[in-house]
């Protein structure tokens, strides 16, 4: 006779008989093994012919094989062409994400030739930062034609065009290549051509030392010619290309104490006896400038100590038409 005690145990002949725990554990293990076997059978299912996940043909593959094939395709580096350079960038650089689990669930029971859309996504801010860095590295600024002297006249050498990376278009091309896993051709990043900067008709001075003449040009157009005095044979006016570095109205004259001819001389304030006249245009050649003079008879001769002397009214006229930075060419003839 079987009775229950208050604890829910089965009693027989005064002995306690417990529930069959071992049987329950065995059943649980068998259920787990069955579930695992079912999962293994699902993973081992062969996907129908012609099924595609995104651009990847996974027909004839197991689910696990399809997963690896898709991950490999979307993880391939993107080849970029920028200018004359070619290099690669990995999608993981932009925190690529891929919703693959849902696509695999659809692929497993899908009919033949089913195309299952799949696109990855990237962090837009990271793509923008990457393209901006490329622009800083590969953009080229246009240049202005350089000022040169040809046959003792100013001329402008041709400037060079530049280029600027099209930022938005480049970002879209990179995002699309990663999103669609298309790696059939390099991604050519587009540039915008920047025209060479126009050359301005700026003042240019050409001084002919041999004939004591100063020519003022506006760009390549001759504006006016002046007779001048240049340096004596023992104090020659230097030849070459210089520029005006300082302009001074009613200057003081200070004797160059390093030169023997000026020793013992005193500074001269502005006025009619000032050796510089009323205007000083100092050149980048040390100690040399264009200026007026208190010795108008010297004009047309080689009489100075290296400077270029002009009649006072002529120096005043020139002073108003040049600026710091004006190019000055001094040629021998």
Protein backbone atom coordinates (compact mmCIF):
# COMPACT_ATOMS: atom_id res chain seq x y z
CA UNK A 1 0.00 0.00 0.00
CA UNK A 2 1.26 3.38 -0.99
CA UNK A 3 0.61 6.54 0.94
CA UNK A 4 2.00 10.10 0.70
CA UNK A 5 3.60 11.79 3.61
CA UNK A 6 3.32 15.51 4.13
CA UNK A 7 6.56 16.06 2.22
CA UNK A 8 5.17 14.64 -1.02
CA UNK A 9 7.31 11.49 -0.99
CA UNK A 10 6.03 8.18 -1.95
CA UNK A 11 5.95 5.72 1.08
CA UNK A 12 6.14 1.96 0.81
CA UNK A 13 6.37 -0.33 3.80
CA UNK A 14 7.62 2.53 5.86
CA UNK A 15 10.40 3.35 3.36
CA UNK A 16 10.73 6.59 1.43
CA UNK A 17 10.53 6.28 -2.42
CA UNK A 18 11.70 9.46 -4.26
CA UNK A 19 10.68 10.70 -7.74
CA UNK A 20 12.77 9.26 -10.63
CA UNK A 21 15.28 12.19 -10.88
CA UNK A 22 17.71 10.24 -13.07
CA UNK A 23 15.03 9.73 -15.69
CA UNK A 24 14.24 13.46 -15.77
CA UNK A 25 17.91 14.39 -16.23
CA UNK A 26 18.23 11.85 -19.03
CA UNK A 27 15.22 13.28 -20.82
CA UNK A 28 16.61 16.80 -20.51
CA UNK A 29 19.95 15.72 -22.01
CA UNK A 30 18.18 13.97 -24.88
CA UNK A 31 16.11 17.10 -25.57
CA UNK A 32 19.24 19.27 -25.62
CA UNK A 33 20.97 16.87 -27.96
CA UNK A 34 17.94 16.89 -30.20
CA UNK A 35 17.91 20.68 -30.32
CA UNK A 36 21.62 20.77 -31.11
CA UNK A 37 21.14 18.16 -33.79
CA UNK A 38 18.32 20.25 -35.25
CA UNK A 39 20.57 23.31 -35.26
CA UNK A 40 23.37 21.33 -36.87
CA UNK A 41 20.95 20.09 -39.51
CA UNK A 42 19.88 23.69 -40.16
CA UNK A 43 23.52 24.82 -40.48
CA UNK A 44 24.15 21.91 -42.80
CA UNK A 45 21.24 22.82 -45.07
CA UNK A 46 22.40 23.40 -48.62
CA UNK A 47 21.17 26.72 -50.00
CA UNK A 48 19.38 26.49 -53.34
CA UNK A 49 21.16 27.22 -56.62
CA UNK A 50 21.35 30.87 -57.70
CA UNK A 51 20.50 32.35 -54.29
CA UNK A 52 22.36 35.62 -53.70
CA UNK A 53 22.92 37.57 -50.51
CA UNK A 54 23.69 41.06 -51.71
CA UNK A 55 26.21 40.64 -54.56
CA UNK A 56 27.43 37.24 -53.27
CA UNK A 57 26.23 34.00 -54.93
CA UNK A 58 25.74 31.56 -52.04
CA UNK A 59 23.96 28.81 -54.00
CA UNK A 60 25.18 25.34 -53.08
CA UNK A 61 26.69 26.52 -49.80
CA UNK A 62 25.75 25.69 -46.23
CA UNK A 63 24.50 28.52 -44.06
CA UNK A 64 27.85 28.69 -42.32
CA UNK A 65 29.67 28.70 -45.64
CA UNK A 66 27.41 31.45 -46.93
CA UNK A 67 28.10 33.51 -43.83
CA UNK A 68 31.86 33.27 -44.33
CA UNK A 69 31.58 34.10 -48.04
CA UNK A 70 29.48 37.21 -47.41
CA UNK A 71 31.71 38.44 -44.59
CA UNK A 72 34.76 38.00 -46.81
CA UNK A 73 33.16 39.90 -49.69
CA UNK A 74 32.07 42.85 -47.56
CA UNK A 75 35.41 42.92 -45.72
CA UNK A 76 37.54 43.25 -48.85
CA UNK A 77 39.58 46.47 -49.00
CA UNK A 78 38.36 49.28 -51.22
CA UNK A 79 40.89 50.33 -53.89
CA UNK A 80 41.09 54.12 -54.32
CA UNK A 81 42.58 56.12 -57.18
CA UNK A 82 43.45 59.69 -56.30
CA UNK A 83 45.50 61.65 -58.81
CA UNK A 84 48.27 59.32 -59.96
CA UNK A 85 48.26 57.27 -56.76
CA UNK A 86 46.49 54.00 -55.97
CA UNK A 87 45.99 52.60 -52.48
CA UNK A 88 43.51 50.63 -50.39
CA UNK A 89 41.40 51.27 -47.32
CA UNK A 90 39.66 48.67 -45.17
CA UNK A 91 35.91 49.05 -44.47
CA UNK A 92 36.55 48.41 -40.77
CA UNK A 93 38.25 51.80 -40.61
CA UNK A 94 34.79 53.34 -40.79
CA UNK A 95 33.09 51.07 -38.20
CA UNK A 96 31.29 48.96 -40.79
CA UNK A 97 28.14 47.13 -39.61
CA UNK A 98 26.42 44.27 -41.50
CA UNK A 99 22.88 42.90 -40.71
CA UNK A 100 23.78 39.40 -41.89
CA UNK A 101 21.78 37.18 -39.48
CA UNK A 102 18.41 38.10 -40.98
CA UNK A 103 19.68 37.52 -44.51
CA UNK A 104 20.94 34.03 -43.61
CA UNK A 105 17.58 33.11 -42.12
CA UNK A 106 15.91 34.05 -45.39
CA UNK A 107 18.54 32.33 -47.54
CA UNK A 108 18.26 28.92 -45.91
CA UNK A 109 14.70 28.09 -47.13
CA UNK A 110 14.78 30.42 -50.16
CA UNK A 111 13.73 29.25 -53.61
CA UNK A 112 16.34 28.99 -56.37
CA UNK A 113 17.58 32.28 -57.91
CA UNK A 114 16.32 34.37 -55.03
CA UNK A 115 18.19 37.64 -54.52
CA UNK A 116 18.27 38.74 -50.88
CA UNK A 117 19.18 42.44 -50.53
CA UNK A 118 22.03 43.20 -48.14
CA UNK A 119 23.90 46.41 -47.55
CA UNK A 120 26.40 47.33 -44.90
CA UNK A 121 26.55 50.67 -43.13
CA UNK A 122 29.44 52.88 -42.01
CA UNK A 123 30.04 55.74 -39.62
CA UNK A 124 29.46 58.83 -41.76
CA UNK A 125 31.60 61.09 -39.56
CA UNK A 126 34.57 58.78 -39.99
CA UNK A 127 34.21 58.81 -43.78
CA UNK A 128 34.02 62.62 -43.76
CA UNK A 129 37.13 62.91 -41.61
CA UNK A 130 39.01 60.50 -43.87
CA UNK A 131 38.12 62.38 -47.07
CA UNK A 132 38.98 65.72 -45.46
CA UNK A 133 42.42 64.37 -44.57
CA UNK A 134 42.88 63.17 -48.17
CA UNK A 135 42.01 66.65 -49.44
CA UNK A 136 44.64 68.26 -47.23
CA UNK A 137 47.22 65.84 -48.59
CA UNK A 138 46.33 65.89 -52.30
CA UNK A 139 44.82 69.32 -53.01
CA UNK A 140 47.09 71.60 -55.06
CA UNK A 141 46.71 75.38 -54.93
CA UNK A 142 46.91 77.31 -58.20
CA UNK A 143 49.85 79.63 -58.68
CA UNK A 144 50.24 83.06 -60.22
CA UNK A 145 52.66 83.61 -63.07
CA UNK A 146 56.08 84.67 -61.83
CA UNK A 147 57.50 88.06 -62.75
CA UNK A 148 60.57 87.72 -64.96
CA UNK A 149 62.68 89.97 -67.15
CA UNK A 150 62.95 89.21 -70.86
CA UNK A 151 65.00 91.42 -73.16
CA UNK A 152 65.17 94.03 -70.39
CA UNK A 153 61.38 94.22 -70.14
CA UNK A 154 59.16 92.65 -67.48
CA UNK A 155 57.16 89.59 -68.48
CA UNK A 156 55.02 87.11 -66.60
CA UNK A 157 55.80 83.42 -66.72
CA UNK A 158 52.73 81.25 -66.96
CA UNK A 159 51.07 80.21 -63.71
CA UNK A 160 49.96 76.66 -62.90
CA UNK A 161 46.44 75.41 -62.37
CA UNK A 162 45.50 73.60 -59.16
CA UNK A 163 43.00 70.98 -58.06
CA UNK A 164 40.57 70.48 -55.21
CA UNK A 165 39.10 67.15 -54.13
CA UNK A 166 35.30 67.06 -54.44
CA UNK A 167 34.51 66.20 -50.83
CA UNK A 168 30.83 65.24 -50.95
CA UNK A 169 31.18 63.17 -54.13
CA UNK A 170 34.24 61.36 -52.73
CA UNK A 171 32.42 60.54 -49.50
CA UNK A 172 29.47 59.11 -51.42
CA UNK A 173 31.69 56.97 -53.66
CA UNK A 174 33.51 55.46 -50.68
CA UNK A 175 30.27 54.84 -48.75
CA UNK A 176 28.63 53.21 -51.79
CA UNK A 177 31.60 50.93 -52.44
CA UNK A 178 31.54 49.70 -48.84
CA UNK A 179 27.75 49.50 -48.62
CA UNK A 180 27.30 47.35 -51.75
CA UNK A 181 30.54 45.33 -51.49
CA UNK A 182 31.36 46.23 -55.11
CA UNK A 183 35.09 45.74 -55.66
CA UNK A 184 35.15 45.16 -59.43
CA UNK A 185 36.98 48.42 -60.17
CA UNK A 186 38.94 51.03 -58.21
CA UNK A 187 37.05 54.02 -56.83
CA UNK A 188 38.32 57.08 -58.69
CA UNK A 189 37.98 60.10 -56.42
CA UNK A 190 37.04 63.22 -58.41
CA UNK A 191 38.85 66.54 -58.43
CA UNK A 192 37.76 70.03 -59.42
CA UNK A 193 40.31 71.91 -61.55
CA UNK A 194 41.35 75.31 -60.23
CA UNK A 195 42.45 77.84 -62.84
CA UNK A 196 45.82 79.55 -62.49
CA UNK A 197 45.53 82.90 -60.75
CA UNK A 198 45.39 85.89 -63.04
CA UNK A 199 48.53 88.00 -63.10
CA UNK A 200 47.92 91.56 -61.97
CA UNK A 201 49.45 94.54 -63.75
CA UNK A 202 51.61 95.69 -60.83
CA UNK A 203 54.31 98.40 -60.94
CA UNK A 204 57.75 97.15 -61.98
CA UNK A 205 60.97 99.21 -62.12
CA UNK A 206 63.79 98.44 -64.54
CA UNK A 207 67.04 100.41 -64.10
CA UNK A 208 69.62 100.41 -66.89
CA UNK A 209 72.88 101.07 -65.11
CA UNK A 210 74.96 101.52 -68.26
CA UNK A 211 72.81 104.33 -69.68
CA UNK A 212 71.60 105.75 -66.33
CA UNK A 213 67.90 105.27 -67.05
CA UNK A 214 64.94 104.19 -64.93
CA UNK A 215 61.81 102.73 -66.55
CA UNK A 216 58.52 102.33 -64.71
CA UNK A 217 56.22 99.61 -66.06
CA UNK A 218 52.65 98.77 -65.15
CA UNK A 219 52.79 95.05 -65.69
CA UNK A 220 54.35 94.79 -69.13
CA UNK A 221 53.31 98.31 -70.24
CA UNK A 222 55.93 101.07 -70.14
CA UNK A 223 54.55 104.04 -68.21
CA UNK A 224 57.44 106.49 -67.97
CA UNK A 225 61.22 106.83 -68.37
CA UNK A 226 63.51 108.92 -66.14
CA UNK A 227 67.22 109.84 -66.32
CA UNK A 228 69.02 108.85 -63.12
CA UNK A 229 72.47 108.81 -61.59
CA UNK A 230 73.97 105.45 -60.65
CA UNK A 231 77.09 104.42 -58.76
CA UNK A 232 80.65 105.39 -59.52
CA UNK A 233 83.05 102.73 -60.75
CA UNK A 234 84.43 102.27 -57.22
CA UNK A 235 80.91 102.23 -55.71
CA UNK A 236 78.88 100.42 -58.40
CA UNK A 237 75.13 100.05 -58.19
CA UNK A 238 74.48 96.29 -57.74
CA UNK A 239 72.95 94.27 -60.55
CA UNK A 240 70.08 91.84 -60.04
CA UNK A 241 66.49 91.54 -58.94
CA UNK A 242 65.46 93.39 -55.78
CA UNK A 243 62.37 94.90 -54.26
CA UNK A 244 61.43 98.03 -52.38
CA UNK A 245 61.49 97.21 -48.67
CA UNK A 246 60.92 100.64 -47.12
CA UNK A 247 59.47 104.01 -48.13
CA UNK A 248 60.23 107.20 -46.20
CA UNK A 249 58.84 110.70 -46.65
CA UNK A 250 61.24 113.59 -45.94
CA UNK A 251 63.98 111.29 -44.65
CA UNK A 252 67.02 112.06 -42.55
CA UNK A 253 70.34 111.22 -44.14
CA UNK A 254 72.75 109.26 -41.97
CA UNK A 255 76.34 108.86 -43.17
CA UNK A 256 77.42 105.25 -43.70
CA UNK A 257 80.24 105.31 -41.18
CA UNK A 258 81.62 102.02 -42.47
CA UNK A 259 82.64 103.79 -45.71
CA UNK A 260 85.79 105.91 -45.73
CA UNK A 261 84.22 108.71 -47.81
CA UNK A 262 81.55 109.32 -45.13
CA UNK A 263 83.77 109.46 -42.07
CA UNK A 264 83.43 112.67 -40.15
CA UNK A 265 80.15 113.64 -41.80
CA UNK A 266 77.11 114.41 -39.69
CA UNK A 267 73.46 113.36 -40.16
CA UNK A 268 71.41 115.77 -42.24
CA UNK A 269 67.75 116.53 -41.35
CA UNK A 270 65.02 116.96 -43.99
CA UNK A 271 65.46 120.09 -46.08
CA UNK A 272 66.99 121.41 -49.30
CA UNK A 273 70.50 120.27 -48.37
CA UNK A 274 69.49 116.65 -47.69
CA UNK A 275 71.42 114.26 -50.02
CA UNK A 276 68.25 112.09 -50.30
CA UNK A 277 65.96 114.88 -51.40
CA UNK A 278 62.40 114.48 -50.11
CA UNK A 279 61.77 110.76 -50.80
CA UNK A 280 63.58 107.50 -49.98
CA UNK A 281 62.69 104.09 -51.47
CA UNK A 282 65.08 101.60 -49.91
CA UNK A 283 65.87 98.38 -51.77
CA UNK A 284 66.57 94.88 -50.52
CA UNK A 285 70.18 95.47 -51.58
CA UNK A 286 71.80 96.70 -48.31
CA UNK A 287 72.38 100.45 -48.20
CA UNK A 288 70.98 101.01 -51.70
CA UNK A 289 67.86 102.97 -52.54
CA UNK A 290 66.08 105.17 -55.06
CA UNK A 291 65.87 108.80 -53.89
CA UNK A 292 65.97 112.46 -54.80
CA UNK A 293 69.18 114.46 -54.65
CA UNK A 294 70.58 117.86 -53.72
CA UNK A 295 73.01 117.50 -56.64
CA UNK A 296 70.75 117.66 -59.72
CA UNK A 297 73.76 118.05 -62.01
CA UNK A 298 74.72 114.41 -61.30
CA UNK A 299 71.64 113.02 -63.05
CA UNK A 300 72.57 111.13 -66.22
CA UNK A 301 76.02 110.22 -64.88
CA UNK A 302 77.63 107.56 -62.71
CA UNK A 303 78.21 109.76 -59.68
CA UNK A 304 76.55 108.15 -56.66
CA UNK A 305 77.92 105.83 -54.01
CA UNK A 306 75.69 102.98 -55.23
CA UNK A 307 72.21 104.47 -54.94
CA UNK A 308 69.93 105.54 -57.78
CA UNK A 309 69.45 109.31 -57.75
CA UNK A 310 66.51 111.10 -59.36
CA UNK A 311 65.47 114.72 -59.72
CA UNK A 312 63.41 115.62 -56.64
CA UNK A 313 60.09 116.07 -58.55
CA UNK A 314 60.68 112.78 -60.38
CA UNK A 315 61.36 110.91 -57.12
CA UNK A 316 58.18 112.38 -55.61
CA UNK A 317 56.15 111.27 -58.64
CA UNK A 318 57.58 107.74 -58.53
CA UNK A 319 57.14 107.49 -54.74
CA UNK A 320 53.35 107.83 -55.17
CA UNK A 321 53.14 105.02 -57.73
CA UNK A 322 55.13 102.23 -56.08
CA UNK A 323 54.79 100.40 -52.80
CA UNK A 324 56.75 98.15 -50.49
CA UNK A 325 57.19 94.92 -52.43
CA UNK A 326 57.52 96.54 -55.87
CA UNK A 327 60.03 94.56 -57.95
CA UNK A 328 63.17 96.36 -59.09
CA UNK A 329 65.44 94.94 -61.80
CA UNK A 330 68.88 96.50 -62.26
CA UNK A 331 70.51 95.49 -65.55
CA UNK A 332 73.96 96.37 -66.89
CA UNK A 333 72.97 98.14 -70.15
